[in-house]
């Protein structure tokens, strides 16, 4: 958890915002450090978290969270964290051995499935206060702690052949049910790497369409980019933070740009041009 970023976003584990749909995107940079921040942040806030890990193993997220002062294993054991380890669980779909009954959660791995209904139902059953959520006394801060969905990352679904429209539908239903109905929060990562070659043109167009659709849905966007001037040892990139006005208090969109440096146990954020490396 990064205290400087909490100050920028005007958010804290003791007074966690509700109803937010946070979109993280990156281009020529790696925004995964923000996923680790929000995971540790919401666990510290006592929230029930459903994490869809589609790119890394549980041990990877656990090792990083340990450096940030949060134990994913303890959170998982007490029911505060529901973790879908997509890399491992997909093997039961691709190479079924009959040892376990088939689950519709990862149906999108099957060629005949064209939507993410099974994945959405898994998320909803994990976070709903009825039939799958933990009791109020088990998640630290009680009923005031909102449920949270974190997805790392949506672009993997496109690589697996899921249509951009189906991913947008999934995000829309998650926002409607988690952010609006349950007053919880959703954090989703979307990678926007620029591909070269004509064979990648269709996939790139789908990614851009998905990104634009998600930007219209989100209430907070964090766009991570590499430095325009190239590599710098002391500045790893910049974050364009966009608060999208969806209330009477925020009738106009607000945007701020910060540069950042990722460290072993945290990250530093500063206004452009104010780092000691460029002064």
C-alpha atoms as a PDB file:
ATOM      1  CA  UNK A   1       0.000   0.000   0.000  1.00  0.00           C
ATOM      2  CA  UNK A   2       1.382   3.370  -1.046  1.00  0.00           C
ATOM      3  CA  UNK A   3       0.571   6.212   1.351  1.00  0.00           C
ATOM      4  CA  UNK A   4       1.519   8.907  -1.189  1.00  0.00           C
ATOM      5  CA  UNK A   5      -0.973   7.510  -3.694  1.00  0.00           C
ATOM      6  CA  UNK A   6      -3.658   7.351  -0.988  1.00  0.00           C
ATOM      7  CA  UNK A   7      -3.100  11.047  -0.356  1.00  0.00           C
ATOM      8  CA  UNK A   8      -3.378  11.858  -4.062  1.00  0.00           C
ATOM      9  CA  UNK A   9      -6.609   9.853  -4.381  1.00  0.00           C
ATOM     10  CA  UNK A  10      -7.937  11.217  -1.067  1.00  0.00           C
ATOM     11  CA  UNK A  11      -8.616   7.716   0.191  1.00  0.00           C
ATOM     12  CA  UNK A  12      -7.555   5.695   3.230  1.00  0.00           C
ATOM     13  CA  UNK A  13      -8.194   2.225   4.704  1.00  0.00           C
ATOM     14  CA  UNK A  14      -9.870   3.834   7.728  1.00  0.00           C
ATOM     15  CA  UNK A  15     -12.394   5.678   5.546  1.00  0.00           C
ATOM     16  CA  UNK A  16     -12.648   3.661   2.367  1.00  0.00           C
ATOM     17  CA  UNK A  17     -14.612   5.100  -0.563  1.00  0.00           C
ATOM     18  CA  UNK A  18     -17.530   3.116  -1.941  1.00  0.00           C
ATOM     19  CA  UNK A  19     -19.061   2.667  -5.377  1.00  0.00           C
ATOM     20  CA  UNK A  20     -15.841   3.262  -7.327  1.00  0.00           C
ATOM     21  CA  UNK A  21     -14.958   1.560 -10.598  1.00  0.00           C
ATOM     22  CA  UNK A  22     -11.191   1.983 -11.011  1.00  0.00           C
ATOM     23  CA  UNK A  23      -9.609   1.290 -14.393  1.00  0.00           C
ATOM     24  CA  UNK A  24      -5.835   0.786 -14.547  1.00  0.00           C
ATOM     25  CA  UNK A  25      -4.214   0.755 -17.975  1.00  0.00           C
ATOM     26  CA  UNK A  26      -0.632   0.771 -19.157  1.00  0.00           C
ATOM     27  CA  UNK A  27       1.254   1.447 -22.362  1.00  0.00           C
ATOM     28  CA  UNK A  28       5.004   0.881 -22.713  1.00  0.00           C
ATOM     29  CA  UNK A  29       5.130   0.444 -18.923  1.00  0.00           C
ATOM     30  CA  UNK A  30       4.088  -2.043 -16.252  1.00  0.00           C
ATOM     31  CA  UNK A  31       1.119  -1.011 -14.081  1.00  0.00           C
ATOM     32  CA  UNK A  32       1.038  -4.199 -11.996  1.00  0.00           C
ATOM     33  CA  UNK A  33       2.445  -2.298  -8.999  1.00  0.00           C
ATOM     34  CA  UNK A  34      -0.927  -0.486  -8.790  1.00  0.00           C
ATOM     35  CA  UNK A  35      -2.767  -3.818  -8.670  1.00  0.00           C
ATOM     36  CA  UNK A  36      -0.635  -4.831  -5.680  1.00  0.00           C
ATOM     37  CA  UNK A  37      -1.362  -1.472  -4.060  1.00  0.00           C
ATOM     38  CA  UNK A  38      -5.139  -1.804  -4.315  1.00  0.00           C
ATOM     39  CA  UNK A  39      -5.047  -5.428  -3.161  1.00  0.00           C
ATOM     40  CA  UNK A  40      -3.125  -4.564   0.010  1.00  0.00           C
ATOM     41  CA  UNK A  41      -5.175  -1.369   0.476  1.00  0.00           C
ATOM     42  CA  UNK A  42      -8.563  -3.083   0.481  1.00  0.00           C
ATOM     43  CA  UNK A  43      -7.379  -5.969   2.641  1.00  0.00           C
ATOM     44  CA  UNK A  44      -6.092  -3.454   5.198  1.00  0.00           C
ATOM     45  CA  UNK A  45      -9.486  -1.734   5.013  1.00  0.00           C
ATOM     46  CA  UNK A  46     -11.146  -5.001   6.046  1.00  0.00           C
ATOM     47  CA  UNK A  47     -12.964  -5.482   2.740  1.00  0.00           C
ATOM     48  CA  UNK A  48     -14.054  -8.823   1.326  1.00  0.00           C
ATOM     49  CA  UNK A  49     -11.960  -9.134  -1.840  1.00  0.00           C
ATOM     50  CA  UNK A  50     -12.505 -11.327  -4.881  1.00  0.00           C
ATOM     51  CA  UNK A  51      -9.281 -11.392  -6.908  1.00  0.00           C
ATOM     52  CA  UNK A  52      -9.210 -12.795 -10.448  1.00  0.00           C
ATOM     53  CA  UNK A  53      -5.550 -13.580 -11.043  1.00  0.00           C
ATOM     54  CA  UNK A  54      -5.257 -14.401 -14.733  1.00  0.00           C
ATOM     55  CA  UNK A  55      -1.559 -13.695 -15.307  1.00  0.00           C
ATOM     56  CA  UNK A  56       0.346 -14.752 -12.180  1.00  0.00           C
ATOM     57  CA  UNK A  57       0.228 -17.459  -9.531  1.00  0.00           C
ATOM     58  CA  UNK A  58      -1.031 -16.987  -5.994  1.00  0.00           C
ATOM     59  CA  UNK A  59       2.511 -17.323  -4.667  1.00  0.00           C
ATOM     60  CA  UNK A  60       3.611 -14.344  -6.792  1.00  0.00           C
ATOM     61  CA  UNK A  61       0.914 -12.019  -5.435  1.00  0.00           C
ATOM     62  CA  UNK A  62       1.523 -13.370  -1.932  1.00  0.00           C
ATOM     63  CA  UNK A  63       5.258 -12.612  -2.080  1.00  0.00           C
ATOM     64  CA  UNK A  64       4.685  -9.022  -3.219  1.00  0.00           C
ATOM     65  CA  UNK A  65       1.915  -8.430  -0.660  1.00  0.00           C
ATOM     66  CA  UNK A  66       4.192  -9.778   2.068  1.00  0.00           C
ATOM     67  CA  UNK A  67       6.668  -6.985   1.285  1.00  0.00           C
ATOM     68  CA  UNK A  68       3.803  -4.504   1.568  1.00  0.00           C
ATOM     69  CA  UNK A  69       2.894  -5.830   5.016  1.00  0.00           C
ATOM     70  CA  UNK A  70      -0.156  -7.945   4.106  1.00  0.00           C
ATOM     71  CA  UNK A  71      -0.517 -11.738   4.306  1.00  0.00           C
ATOM     72  CA  UNK A  72      -2.689 -13.099   1.495  1.00  0.00           C
ATOM     73  CA  UNK A  73      -2.546 -16.579   3.003  1.00  0.00           C
ATOM     74  CA  UNK A  74      -4.076 -15.384   6.279  1.00  0.00           C
ATOM     75  CA  UNK A  75      -6.696 -13.341   4.430  1.00  0.00           C
ATOM     76  CA  UNK A  76      -7.578 -16.380   2.326  1.00  0.00           C
ATOM     77  CA  UNK A  77      -7.762 -18.717   5.319  1.00  0.00           C
ATOM     78  CA  UNK A  78     -10.175 -16.473   7.239  1.00  0.00           C
ATOM     79  CA  UNK A  79     -12.381 -15.953   4.197  1.00  0.00           C
ATOM     80  CA  UNK A  80     -11.557 -12.311   3.534  1.00  0.00           C
ATOM     81  CA  UNK A  81      -9.893 -13.106   0.198  1.00  0.00           C
ATOM     82  CA  UNK A  82     -11.353 -15.246  -2.580  1.00  0.00           C
ATOM     83  CA  UNK A  83      -8.604 -15.909  -5.116  1.00  0.00           C
ATOM     84  CA  UNK A  84      -9.180 -17.371  -8.576  1.00  0.00           C
ATOM     85  CA  UNK A  85      -5.854 -18.676  -9.826  1.00  0.00           C
ATOM     86  CA  UNK A  86      -6.593 -18.716 -13.531  1.00  0.00           C
ATOM     87  CA  UNK A  87      -3.234 -20.165 -14.600  1.00  0.00           C
ATOM     88  CA  UNK A  88      -3.756 -23.309 -12.541  1.00  0.00           C
ATOM     89  CA  UNK A  89      -7.539 -23.673 -12.698  1.00  0.00           C
ATOM     90  CA  UNK A  90      -7.604 -23.432 -16.503  1.00  0.00           C
ATOM     91  CA  UNK A  91      -5.798 -26.779 -16.728  1.00  0.00           C
ATOM     92  CA  UNK A  92      -8.910 -28.494 -15.390  1.00  0.00           C
ATOM     93  CA  UNK A  93     -10.822 -27.085 -18.362  1.00  0.00           C
ATOM     94  CA  UNK A  94      -8.218 -27.610 -21.080  1.00  0.00           C
ATOM     95  CA  UNK A  95      -7.076 -31.018 -19.778  1.00  0.00           C
ATOM     96  CA  UNK A  96     -10.054 -32.445 -17.814  1.00  0.00           C
ATOM     97  CA  UNK A  97      -9.139 -35.535 -15.805  1.00  0.00           C
ATOM     98  CA  UNK A  98     -12.508 -36.197 -14.215  1.00  0.00           C
ATOM     99  CA  UNK A  99     -11.110 -35.844 -10.698  1.00  0.00           C
ATOM    100  CA  UNK A 100     -13.226 -32.764 -10.010  1.00  0.00           C
ATOM    101  CA  UNK A 101     -16.704 -31.840 -11.235  1.00  0.00           C
ATOM    102  CA  UNK A 102     -16.632 -29.295 -14.042  1.00  0.00           C
ATOM    103  CA  UNK A 103     -17.270 -25.689 -13.024  1.00  0.00           C
ATOM    104  CA  UNK A 104     -18.751 -23.054 -15.373  1.00  0.00           C
ATOM    105  CA  UNK A 105     -16.440 -20.355 -13.949  1.00  0.00           C
ATOM    106  CA  UNK A 106     -13.820 -20.770 -16.688  1.00  0.00           C
ATOM    107  CA  UNK A 107     -16.173 -21.739 -19.487  1.00  0.00           C
ATOM    108  CA  UNK A 108     -14.629 -19.048 -21.676  1.00  0.00           C
ATOM    109  CA  UNK A 109     -11.707 -21.443 -22.254  1.00  0.00           C
ATOM    110  CA  UNK A 110     -14.084 -23.678 -24.213  1.00  0.00           C
ATOM    111  CA  UNK A 111     -14.536 -22.822 -27.917  1.00  0.00           C
ATOM    112  CA  UNK A 112     -18.315 -23.169 -27.773  1.00  0.00           C
ATOM    113  CA  UNK A 113     -18.673 -20.528 -25.027  1.00  0.00           C
ATOM    114  CA  UNK A 114     -19.005 -16.907 -26.176  1.00  0.00           C
ATOM    115  CA  UNK A 115     -19.557 -15.025 -22.918  1.00  0.00           C
ATOM    116  CA  UNK A 116     -18.238 -14.617 -19.368  1.00  0.00           C
ATOM    117  CA  UNK A 117     -21.434 -15.513 -17.549  1.00  0.00           C
ATOM    118  CA  UNK A 118     -19.775 -18.252 -15.507  1.00  0.00           C
ATOM    119  CA  UNK A 119     -16.995 -15.914 -14.389  1.00  0.00           C
ATOM    120  CA  UNK A 120     -19.502 -13.211 -13.438  1.00  0.00           C
ATOM    121  CA  UNK A 121     -21.584 -15.661 -11.403  1.00  0.00           C
ATOM    122  CA  UNK A 122     -18.431 -16.730  -9.558  1.00  0.00           C
ATOM    123  CA  UNK A 123     -17.645 -13.103  -8.704  1.00  0.00           C
ATOM    124  CA  UNK A 124     -21.185 -12.367  -7.579  1.00  0.00           C
ATOM    125  CA  UNK A 125     -21.440 -15.480  -5.412  1.00  0.00           C
ATOM    126  CA  UNK A 126     -18.079 -14.624  -3.815  1.00  0.00           C
ATOM    127  CA  UNK A 127     -19.063 -11.065  -2.882  1.00  0.00           C
ATOM    128  CA  UNK A 128     -22.824 -11.230  -2.376  1.00  0.00           C
ATOM    129  CA  UNK A 129     -23.956 -11.000   1.281  1.00  0.00           C
ATOM    130  CA  UNK A 130     -26.185 -14.017   0.632  1.00  0.00           C
ATOM    131  CA  UNK A 131     -24.910 -17.465  -0.217  1.00  0.00           C
ATOM    132  CA  UNK A 132     -21.168 -17.123  -0.433  1.00  0.00           C
ATOM    133  CA  UNK A 133     -19.957 -14.026   1.404  1.00  0.00           C
ATOM    134  CA  UNK A 134     -18.413 -14.240   4.832  1.00  0.00           C
ATOM    135  CA  UNK A 135     -20.230 -12.927   7.851  1.00  0.00           C
ATOM    136  CA  UNK A 136     -19.899  -9.342   9.008  1.00  0.00           C
ATOM    137  CA  UNK A 137     -17.671 -10.232  11.917  1.00  0.00           C
ATOM    138  CA  UNK A 138     -15.094 -12.025   9.742  1.00  0.00           C
ATOM    139  CA  UNK A 139     -13.843  -9.182   7.578  1.00  0.00           C
ATOM    140  CA  UNK A 140     -12.326  -6.850  10.081  1.00  0.00           C
ATOM    141  CA  UNK A 141     -14.301  -3.637   9.868  1.00  0.00           C
ATOM    142  CA  UNK A 142     -17.761  -5.192   9.811  1.00  0.00           C
ATOM    143  CA  UNK A 143     -20.655  -4.136   7.603  1.00  0.00           C
ATOM    144  CA  UNK A 144     -19.059  -0.771   6.698  1.00  0.00           C
ATOM    145  CA  UNK A 145     -16.363  -2.459   4.612  1.00  0.00           C
ATOM    146  CA  UNK A 146     -17.457  -2.623   0.962  1.00  0.00           C
ATOM    147  CA  UNK A 147     -16.925  -5.772  -1.156  1.00  0.00           C
ATOM    148  CA  UNK A 148     -14.195  -5.440  -3.785  1.00  0.00           C
ATOM    149  CA  UNK A 149     -13.433  -7.090  -7.125  1.00  0.00           C
ATOM    150  CA  UNK A 150      -9.899  -6.912  -8.571  1.00  0.00           C
ATOM    151  CA  UNK A 151      -9.056  -8.284 -12.030  1.00  0.00           C
ATOM    152  CA  UNK A 152      -5.505  -8.786 -13.324  1.00  0.00           C
ATOM    153  CA  UNK A 153      -5.885  -8.464 -16.238  1.00  0.00           C
ATOM    154  CA  UNK A 154      -8.691  -8.097 -18.794  1.00  0.00           C
ATOM    155  CA  UNK A 155      -6.453  -8.108 -21.869  1.00  0.00           C
ATOM    156  CA  UNK A 156      -5.715 -11.797 -21.197  1.00  0.00           C
ATOM    157  CA  UNK A 157      -9.339 -12.550 -22.037  1.00  0.00           C
ATOM    158  CA  UNK A 158      -8.894 -11.007 -25.481  1.00  0.00           C
ATOM    159  CA  UNK A 159      -5.806 -13.152 -26.046  1.00  0.00           C
ATOM    160  CA  UNK A 160      -7.909 -16.218 -25.231  1.00  0.00           C
ATOM    161  CA  UNK A 161     -10.416 -15.330 -27.924  1.00  0.00           C
ATOM    162  CA  UNK A 162     -13.122 -13.663 -25.836  1.00  0.00           C
ATOM    163  CA  UNK A 163     -14.833 -10.870 -27.772  1.00  0.00           C
ATOM    164  CA  UNK A 164     -14.292  -7.298 -26.602  1.00  0.00           C
ATOM    165  CA  UNK A 165     -18.065  -6.891 -26.371  1.00  0.00           C
ATOM    166  CA  UNK A 166     -18.312  -9.845 -23.988  1.00  0.00           C
ATOM    167  CA  UNK A 167     -15.597  -8.361 -21.762  1.00  0.00           C
ATOM    168  CA  UNK A 168     -17.433  -5.019 -21.749  1.00  0.00           C
ATOM    169  CA  UNK A 169     -20.646  -6.786 -20.757  1.00  0.00           C
ATOM    170  CA  UNK A 170     -18.782  -8.501 -17.916  1.00  0.00           C
ATOM    171  CA  UNK A 171     -17.395  -5.170 -16.685  1.00  0.00           C
ATOM    172  CA  UNK A 172     -20.818  -3.526 -16.985  1.00  0.00           C
ATOM    173  CA  UNK A 173     -22.588  -6.194 -14.934  1.00  0.00           C
ATOM    174  CA  UNK A 174     -19.813  -6.154 -12.323  1.00  0.00           C
ATOM    175  CA  UNK A 175     -20.178  -2.388 -11.983  1.00  0.00           C
ATOM    176  CA  UNK A 176     -23.982  -2.556 -11.800  1.00  0.00           C
ATOM    177  CA  UNK A 177     -24.025  -5.291  -9.166  1.00  0.00           C
ATOM    178  CA  UNK A 178     -20.898  -4.629  -7.098  1.00  0.00           C
ATOM    179  CA  UNK A 179     -20.430  -0.855  -7.332  1.00  0.00           C
ATOM    180  CA  UNK A 180     -24.062   0.246  -7.576  1.00  0.00           C
ATOM    181  CA  UNK A 181     -26.116  -2.427  -5.814  1.00  0.00           C
ATOM    182  CA  UNK A 182     -23.655  -3.663  -3.168  1.00  0.00           C
ATOM    183  CA  UNK A 183     -21.926  -0.248  -2.817  1.00  0.00           C
ATOM    184  CA  UNK A 184     -18.594  -1.942  -3.326  1.00  0.00           C
ATOM    185  CA  UNK A 185     -15.612  -1.239  -5.574  1.00  0.00           C
ATOM    186  CA  UNK A 186     -14.075  -2.765  -8.686  1.00  0.00           C
ATOM    187  CA  UNK A 187     -10.469  -2.472  -9.895  1.00  0.00           C
ATOM    188  CA  UNK A 188      -9.549  -3.788 -13.335  1.00  0.00           C
ATOM    189  CA  UNK A 189      -6.243  -3.764 -15.196  1.00  0.00           C
ATOM    190  CA  UNK A 190      -6.144  -3.437 -18.984  1.00  0.00           C
ATOM    191  CA  UNK A 191      -2.860  -3.669 -20.885  1.00  0.00           C
ATOM    192  CA  UNK A 192      -2.547  -1.726 -24.143  1.00  0.00           C
ATOM    193  CA  UNK A 193       0.689  -2.864 -25.698  1.00  0.00           C
ATOM    194  CA  UNK A 194       1.236  -1.684 -29.258  1.00  0.00           C
ATOM    195  CA  UNK A 195       1.703  -4.656 -31.544  1.00  0.00           C
ATOM    196  CA  UNK A 196       3.612  -4.707 -34.811  1.00  0.00           C
ATOM    197  CA  UNK A 197       2.544  -6.571 -37.926  1.00  0.00           C
ATOM    198  CA  UNK A 198      -0.678  -6.966 -39.858  1.00  0.00           C
ATOM    199  CA  UNK A 199      -1.580 -10.218 -38.118  1.00  0.00           C
ATOM    200  CA  UNK A 200      -2.016  -8.337 -34.850  1.00  0.00           C
ATOM    201  CA  UNK A 201      -4.161  -5.544 -36.263  1.00  0.00           C
ATOM    202  CA  UNK A 202      -7.512  -7.097 -35.350  1.00  0.00           C
ATOM    203  CA  UNK A 203      -6.431  -7.838 -31.791  1.00  0.00           C
ATOM    204  CA  UNK A 204      -5.076  -4.305 -31.372  1.00  0.00           C
ATOM    205  CA  UNK A 205      -8.370  -2.811 -32.577  1.00  0.00           C
ATOM    206  CA  UNK A 206     -10.285  -5.002 -30.107  1.00  0.00           C
ATOM    207  CA  UNK A 207      -8.022  -3.855 -27.273  1.00  0.00           C
ATOM    208  CA  UNK A 208      -8.517  -0.191 -28.155  1.00  0.00           C
ATOM    209  CA  UNK A 209     -12.288  -0.672 -28.405  1.00  0.00           C
ATOM    210  CA  UNK A 210     -12.314  -2.386 -25.016  1.00  0.00           C
ATOM    211  CA  UNK A 211     -10.218   0.381 -23.463  1.00  0.00           C
ATOM    212  CA  UNK A 212     -12.533   3.108 -24.772  1.00  0.00           C
ATOM    213  CA  UNK A 213     -15.592   1.247 -23.516  1.00  0.00           C
ATOM    214  CA  UNK A 214     -14.080   0.785 -20.061  1.00  0.00           C
ATOM    215  CA  UNK A 215     -13.100   4.464 -19.918  1.00  0.00           C
ATOM    216  CA  UNK A 216     -16.766   5.389 -20.365  1.00  0.00           C
ATOM    217  CA  UNK A 217     -17.747   3.109 -17.466  1.00  0.00           C
ATOM    218  CA  UNK A 218     -15.065   3.919 -14.906  1.00  0.00           C
ATOM    219  CA  UNK A 219     -15.198   6.580 -12.205  1.00  0.00           C
ATOM    220  CA  UNK A 220     -11.403   6.714 -11.785  1.00  0.00           C
ATOM    221  CA  UNK A 221      -8.766   5.976 -14.419  1.00  0.00           C
ATOM    222  CA  UNK A 222      -5.056   5.526 -13.801  1.00  0.00           C
ATOM    223  CA  UNK A 223      -3.132   5.430 -17.057  1.00  0.00           C
ATOM    224  CA  UNK A 224       0.491   4.333 -16.639  1.00  0.00           C
ATOM    225  CA  UNK A 225       2.939   5.217 -19.409  1.00  0.00           C
ATOM    226  CA  UNK A 226       6.637   5.138 -19.992  1.00  0.00           C
ATOM    227  CA  UNK A 227       8.550   8.406 -20.067  1.00  0.00           C
ATOM    228  CA  UNK A 228       8.423  10.158 -23.461  1.00  0.00           C
ATOM    229  CA  UNK A 229      12.163  10.721 -23.176  1.00  0.00           C
ATOM    230  CA  UNK A 230      12.905   7.028 -22.658  1.00  0.00           C
ATOM    231  CA  UNK A 231      14.488   5.054 -19.844  1.00  0.00           C
ATOM    232  CA  UNK A 232      15.528   6.790 -16.620  1.00  0.00           C
ATOM    233  CA  UNK A 233      17.017   4.999 -13.636  1.00  0.00           C
ATOM    234  CA  UNK A 234      15.358   7.255 -11.054  1.00  0.00           C
ATOM    235  CA  UNK A 235      11.969   7.787 -12.757  1.00  0.00           C
ATOM    236  CA  UNK A 236      10.162   4.692 -13.982  1.00  0.00           C
ATOM    237  CA  UNK A 237       7.244   6.368 -15.727  1.00  0.00           C
ATOM    238  CA  UNK A 238       4.226   8.600 -15.281  1.00  0.00           C
ATOM    239  CA  UNK A 239       0.624   8.121 -14.165  1.00  0.00           C
ATOM    240  CA  UNK A 240      -2.215  10.101 -15.687  1.00  0.00           C
ATOM    241  CA  UNK A 241      -4.952  10.146 -13.013  1.00  0.00           C
ATOM    242  CA  UNK A 242      -8.412  10.979 -14.302  1.00  0.00           C
ATOM    243  CA  UNK A 243     -11.336  11.544 -11.944  1.00  0.00           C
ATOM    244  CA  UNK A 244     -14.450  11.225 -14.077  1.00  0.00           C
ATOM    245  CA  UNK A 245     -17.257  13.464 -12.801  1.00  0.00           C
ATOM    246  CA  UNK A 246     -20.404  11.458 -12.128  1.00  0.00           C
ATOM    247  CA  UNK A 247     -21.940  13.429  -9.293  1.00  0.00           C
ATOM    248  CA  UNK A 248     -23.045  16.964  -8.455  1.00  0.00           C
ATOM    249  CA  UNK A 249     -19.780  17.525  -6.604  1.00  0.00           C
ATOM    250  CA  UNK A 250     -17.704  16.507  -9.647  1.00  0.00           C
ATOM    251  CA  UNK A 251     -19.494  17.898 -12.664  1.00  0.00           C
ATOM    252  CA  UNK A 252     -16.286  18.253 -14.662  1.00  0.00           C
ATOM    253  CA  UNK A 253     -13.529  15.749 -15.286  1.00  0.00           C
ATOM    254  CA  UNK A 254     -10.312  16.346 -13.356  1.00  0.00           C
ATOM    255  CA  UNK A 255      -6.910  15.149 -14.512  1.00  0.00           C
ATOM    256  CA  UNK A 256      -3.453  15.241 -12.936  1.00  0.00           C
ATOM    257  CA  UNK A 257      -0.165  13.737 -14.057  1.00  0.00           C
ATOM    258  CA  UNK A 258       2.432  12.350 -11.647  1.00  0.00           C
ATOM    259  CA  UNK A 259       5.758  10.656 -12.226  1.00  0.00           C
ATOM    260  CA  UNK A 260       6.659   7.626 -10.130  1.00  0.00           C
ATOM    261  CA  UNK A 261       9.445   5.340  -9.021  1.00  0.00           C
ATOM    262  CA  UNK A 262       8.707   1.792  -7.866  1.00  0.00           C
ATOM    263  CA  UNK A 263      10.736   0.581  -4.894  1.00  0.00           C
ATOM    264  CA  UNK A 264      11.052  -2.780  -3.191  1.00  0.00           C
ATOM    265  CA  UNK A 265       8.493  -2.005  -0.480  1.00  0.00           C
ATOM    266  CA  UNK A 266       6.564   0.878  -1.989  1.00  0.00           C
ATOM    267  CA  UNK A 267       6.498   3.580  -4.636  1.00  0.00           C
ATOM    268  CA  UNK A 268       7.132   7.318  -4.732  1.00  0.00           C
ATOM    269  CA  UNK A 269       4.914   9.750  -6.629  1.00  0.00           C
ATOM    270  CA  UNK A 270       5.795  13.335  -7.513  1.00  0.00           C
ATOM    271  CA  UNK A 271       4.690  16.098  -9.868  1.00  0.00           C
ATOM    272  CA  UNK A 272       6.379  16.162 -13.262  1.00  0.00           C
ATOM    273  CA  UNK A 273       9.812  17.720 -13.167  1.00  0.00           C
ATOM    274  CA  UNK A 274      10.119  17.791  -9.380  1.00  0.00           C
ATOM    275  CA  UNK A 275      12.154  14.600  -8.889  1.00  0.00           C
ATOM    276  CA  UNK A 276      15.660  15.091  -7.526  1.00  0.00           C
ATOM    277  CA  UNK A 277      16.871  13.155 -10.572  1.00  0.00           C
ATOM    278  CA  UNK A 278      15.963  16.023 -12.897  1.00  0.00           C
ATOM    279  CA  UNK A 279      16.665  19.005 -10.621  1.00  0.00           C
END
